[in-house]
Amino acid sequence: MGIILQTKVTDENRDKFYQQVYCQQFDSKHQLINLEIFSNECVLVDCCAWHYYDMFPNNRIIRLETVKNALQFKLSRNKFDKLVDDQQDHCIRWPSLDVVTPVVVFDRSPMLKYRSLANLTNLLTSVSNAYQASHLIINMNTTFIDDTRLVDRFYNMASINIPGFTVKEFVYSVSINKLFIHFGCNHVT
């Protein structure tokens, strides 16, 4: 799988671009975020949720996808359940869902890319408020976070704070540019 140097999806590069953006479609169940620990809860997954749906058949998963990605990758309707309106980067509109305190998972989500830490925190806060989430889990490549690279980035990453949530797990790996944070709602037992 060659590196795509273009930043615009075209008819000629759509498949390769899709494979890079949705790289988790090639992950085994054990390489994905473990949803089995949330078997009694509804889980909202953004980005390649159809793969999670296939890998975790015993979980109740609502597959989210953004309008931008659905259009640019010409995703078939069987790849998602609901669309997140991200047509304006600064104004994300979450779809109405009939769920109670779901787990929200962003696994290498394009929606989180190229945001500052403040923007990232605002987006996570807005989704937690929209759905009264019980857990928020993000897994992302730190290369795509818009912040300074001239300092020890740990302190910047550790400043991500979602009101009403406590960090349950925090993994920041400089060598592989990975950030994984599991936030748990303070009001959920």
Protein backbone atom coordinates (compact mmCIF):
# COMPACT_ATOMS: atom_id res chain seq x y z
CA MET A 1 0.00 0.00 0.00
CA GLY A 2 1.81 3.13 -1.25
CA ILE A 3 1.74 6.47 0.52
CA ILE A 4 -0.79 8.94 -0.89
CA LEU A 5 0.90 12.30 -1.36
CA GLN A 6 -2.25 14.04 -2.55
CA THR A 7 -4.59 15.54 -0.01
CA LYS A 8 -7.67 15.49 -2.22
CA VAL A 9 -9.71 12.39 -2.95
CA THR A 10 -10.24 11.75 -6.66
CA ASP A 11 -11.83 8.93 -8.63
CA GLU A 12 -8.33 7.62 -9.37
CA ASN A 13 -7.07 7.49 -5.77
CA ARG A 14 -10.32 6.93 -3.81
CA ASP A 15 -9.65 3.27 -2.95
CA LYS A 16 -6.07 3.82 -1.77
CA PHE A 17 -7.07 6.93 0.13
CA TYR A 18 -9.90 5.00 1.79
CA GLN A 19 -7.48 2.27 2.86
CA GLN A 20 -5.22 4.85 4.50
CA VAL A 21 -7.96 6.82 6.23
CA TYR A 22 -9.72 3.66 7.41
CA CYS A 23 -6.57 1.66 8.16
CA GLN A 24 -8.23 -0.07 11.12
CA GLN A 25 -10.27 -2.14 8.68
CA PHE A 26 -7.18 -4.35 8.45
CA ASP A 27 -6.86 -4.73 12.24
CA SER A 28 -7.74 -7.92 14.04
CA LYS A 29 -10.20 -7.84 16.90
CA HIS A 30 -7.30 -7.72 19.36
CA GLN A 31 -5.76 -4.68 17.66
CA LEU A 32 -8.98 -2.68 17.96
CA ILE A 33 -10.28 -0.98 21.10
CA ASN A 34 -11.73 -3.76 23.24
CA LEU A 35 -15.50 -3.25 23.21
CA GLU A 36 -16.19 -6.52 25.03
CA ILE A 37 -15.79 -4.69 28.35
CA PHE A 38 -18.85 -2.64 27.32
CA SER A 39 -21.07 -5.59 26.37
CA ASN A 40 -24.04 -4.24 28.36
CA GLU A 41 -23.82 -0.71 26.95
CA CYS A 42 -24.57 0.95 23.65
CA VAL A 43 -21.37 1.96 21.88
CA LEU A 44 -21.14 4.78 19.33
CA VAL A 45 -18.14 4.32 17.05
CA ASP A 46 -16.83 6.93 14.66
CA CYS A 47 -14.54 5.84 11.85
CA CYS A 48 -14.62 2.35 10.38
CA ALA A 49 -17.49 1.45 12.69
CA TRP A 50 -18.63 -1.21 10.23
CA HIS A 51 -15.43 -3.14 11.05
CA TYR A 52 -16.10 -2.86 14.79
CA TYR A 53 -19.66 -4.00 14.10
CA ASP A 54 -18.31 -7.13 12.37
CA MET A 55 -15.60 -7.79 14.98
CA PHE A 56 -17.83 -7.32 18.05
CA PRO A 57 -21.17 -8.93 17.08
CA ASN A 58 -22.29 -9.24 20.73
CA ASN A 59 -22.12 -5.47 21.31
CA ARG A 60 -24.85 -2.98 20.49
CA ILE A 61 -22.96 -0.65 18.17
CA ILE A 62 -24.27 2.44 16.42
CA ARG A 63 -22.03 3.16 13.46
CA LEU A 64 -21.36 6.87 13.00
CA GLU A 65 -19.80 8.44 9.95
CA THR A 66 -19.25 12.02 8.93
CA VAL A 67 -21.03 13.63 6.01
CA LYS A 68 -17.68 14.66 4.49
CA ASN A 69 -16.30 11.12 4.51
CA ALA A 70 -19.54 9.52 3.35
CA LEU A 71 -19.53 11.83 0.34
CA GLN A 72 -15.84 11.84 -0.58
CA PHE A 73 -15.47 8.06 -0.22
CA LYS A 74 -18.93 7.33 -1.66
CA LEU A 75 -19.69 5.07 1.29
CA SER A 76 -22.58 2.68 0.84
CA ARG A 77 -25.45 3.03 3.30
CA ASN A 78 -24.56 -0.32 4.91
CA LYS A 79 -21.30 1.20 6.29
CA PHE A 80 -23.04 3.51 8.80
CA ASP A 81 -26.22 4.01 10.80
CA LYS A 82 -26.15 7.77 11.33
CA LEU A 83 -24.30 10.73 9.83
CA VAL A 84 -22.50 13.39 11.83
CA ASP A 85 -22.84 16.77 10.10
CA ASP A 86 -19.27 18.02 9.84
CA GLN A 87 -19.71 20.21 6.80
CA GLN A 88 -18.54 23.17 8.92
CA ASP A 89 -15.42 22.19 10.89
CA HIS A 90 -16.18 24.62 13.71
CA CYS A 91 -19.80 23.50 14.07
CA ILE A 92 -20.25 19.73 14.41
CA ARG A 93 -23.89 18.60 14.56
CA TRP A 94 -24.43 15.26 16.26
CA PRO A 95 -27.34 13.15 14.99
CA SER A 96 -30.31 12.51 17.24
CA LEU A 97 -30.07 9.09 18.82
CA ASP A 98 -32.31 7.24 21.21
CA VAL A 99 -29.54 6.11 23.55
CA VAL A 100 -28.86 6.43 27.25
CA THR A 101 -25.31 7.06 28.50
CA PRO A 102 -23.47 5.40 25.61
CA VAL A 103 -19.78 4.72 25.27
CA VAL A 104 -18.34 6.97 22.53
CA VAL A 105 -15.30 5.72 20.61
CA PHE A 106 -13.12 7.70 18.22
CA ASP A 107 -10.57 5.32 16.74
CA ARG A 108 -8.20 7.21 14.44
CA SER A 109 -11.13 9.38 13.43
CA PRO A 110 -10.60 11.91 10.63
CA MET A 111 -12.95 14.19 12.57
CA LEU A 112 -10.26 14.64 15.23
CA LYS A 113 -7.43 15.39 12.81
CA TYR A 114 -5.77 18.79 12.46
CA ARG A 115 -7.48 20.23 15.53
CA SER A 116 -5.75 22.14 18.27
CA LEU A 117 -5.94 20.66 21.74
CA ALA A 118 -8.57 23.28 22.65
CA ASN A 119 -10.65 22.35 19.59
CA LEU A 120 -10.23 18.67 20.35
CA THR A 121 -11.38 19.23 23.94
CA ASN A 122 -14.39 21.24 22.71
CA LEU A 123 -15.39 18.49 20.28
CA LEU A 124 -15.13 15.78 22.95
CA THR A 125 -17.09 17.94 25.39
CA SER A 126 -19.81 18.56 22.81
CA VAL A 127 -20.26 14.84 22.05
CA SER A 128 -20.29 13.99 25.75
CA ASN A 129 -22.98 16.62 26.33
CA ALA A 130 -25.01 15.62 23.28
CA TYR A 131 -25.28 11.97 24.33
CA GLN A 132 -24.61 12.11 28.09
CA ALA A 133 -21.78 9.66 27.45
CA SER A 134 -20.66 7.23 30.14
CA HIS A 135 -17.21 6.82 28.57
CA LEU A 136 -15.22 8.64 25.89
CA ILE A 137 -12.36 6.78 24.25
CA ILE A 138 -9.97 8.32 21.77
CA ASN A 139 -7.19 6.58 19.90
CA MET A 140 -5.25 8.79 17.53
CA ASN A 141 -1.97 9.56 15.87
CA THR A 142 -0.39 12.63 17.51
CA THR A 143 1.09 13.72 14.19
CA PHE A 144 -2.36 15.07 13.34
CA ILE A 145 -2.77 17.21 16.48
CA ASP A 146 -2.25 20.89 15.79
CA ASP A 147 0.17 21.95 18.51
CA THR A 148 3.81 22.80 18.95
CA ARG A 149 6.36 20.07 18.39
CA LEU A 150 9.22 22.06 19.87
CA VAL A 151 8.45 21.15 23.48
CA ASP A 152 7.79 17.97 25.41
CA ARG A 153 4.28 17.30 24.09
CA PHE A 154 3.29 15.10 27.04
CA TYR A 155 2.22 18.10 29.09
CA ASN A 156 0.13 19.42 26.21
CA MET A 157 -1.57 16.05 25.69
CA ALA A 158 -2.16 15.64 29.41
CA SER A 159 -4.02 18.97 29.44
CA ILE A 160 -7.01 17.46 27.59
CA ASN A 161 -9.76 17.76 30.17
CA ILE A 162 -13.43 16.90 29.67
CA PRO A 163 -15.72 18.43 32.33
CA GLY A 164 -17.40 15.74 34.42
CA PHE A 165 -14.96 13.02 33.35
CA THR A 166 -11.94 11.35 34.91
CA VAL A 167 -9.07 9.80 32.98
CA LYS A 168 -9.22 6.03 33.43
CA GLU A 169 -6.37 5.22 31.07
CA PHE A 170 -3.78 7.43 29.37
CA VAL A 171 -1.17 6.11 26.94
CA TYR A 172 1.09 8.52 25.11
CA SER A 173 3.88 7.03 23.04
CA VAL A 174 6.36 9.43 21.53
CA SER A 175 8.10 6.73 19.48
CA ILE A 176 4.97 5.68 17.58
CA ASN A 177 3.08 9.01 17.80
CA LYS A 178 0.13 7.41 19.59
CA LEU A 179 -2.33 8.90 22.04
CA PHE A 180 -4.97 6.76 23.73
CA ILE A 181 -7.24 8.22 26.41
CA HIS A 182 -10.17 6.54 28.12
CA PHE A 183 -12.36 9.01 30.00
CA GLY A 184 -15.04 7.76 32.38
CA CYS A 185 -17.97 9.91 33.46
CA ASN A 186 -17.77 10.84 37.14
CA HIS A 187 -21.49 10.09 37.61
CA VAL A 188 -21.44 6.54 36.23
CA THR A 189 -20.86 3.74 38.71
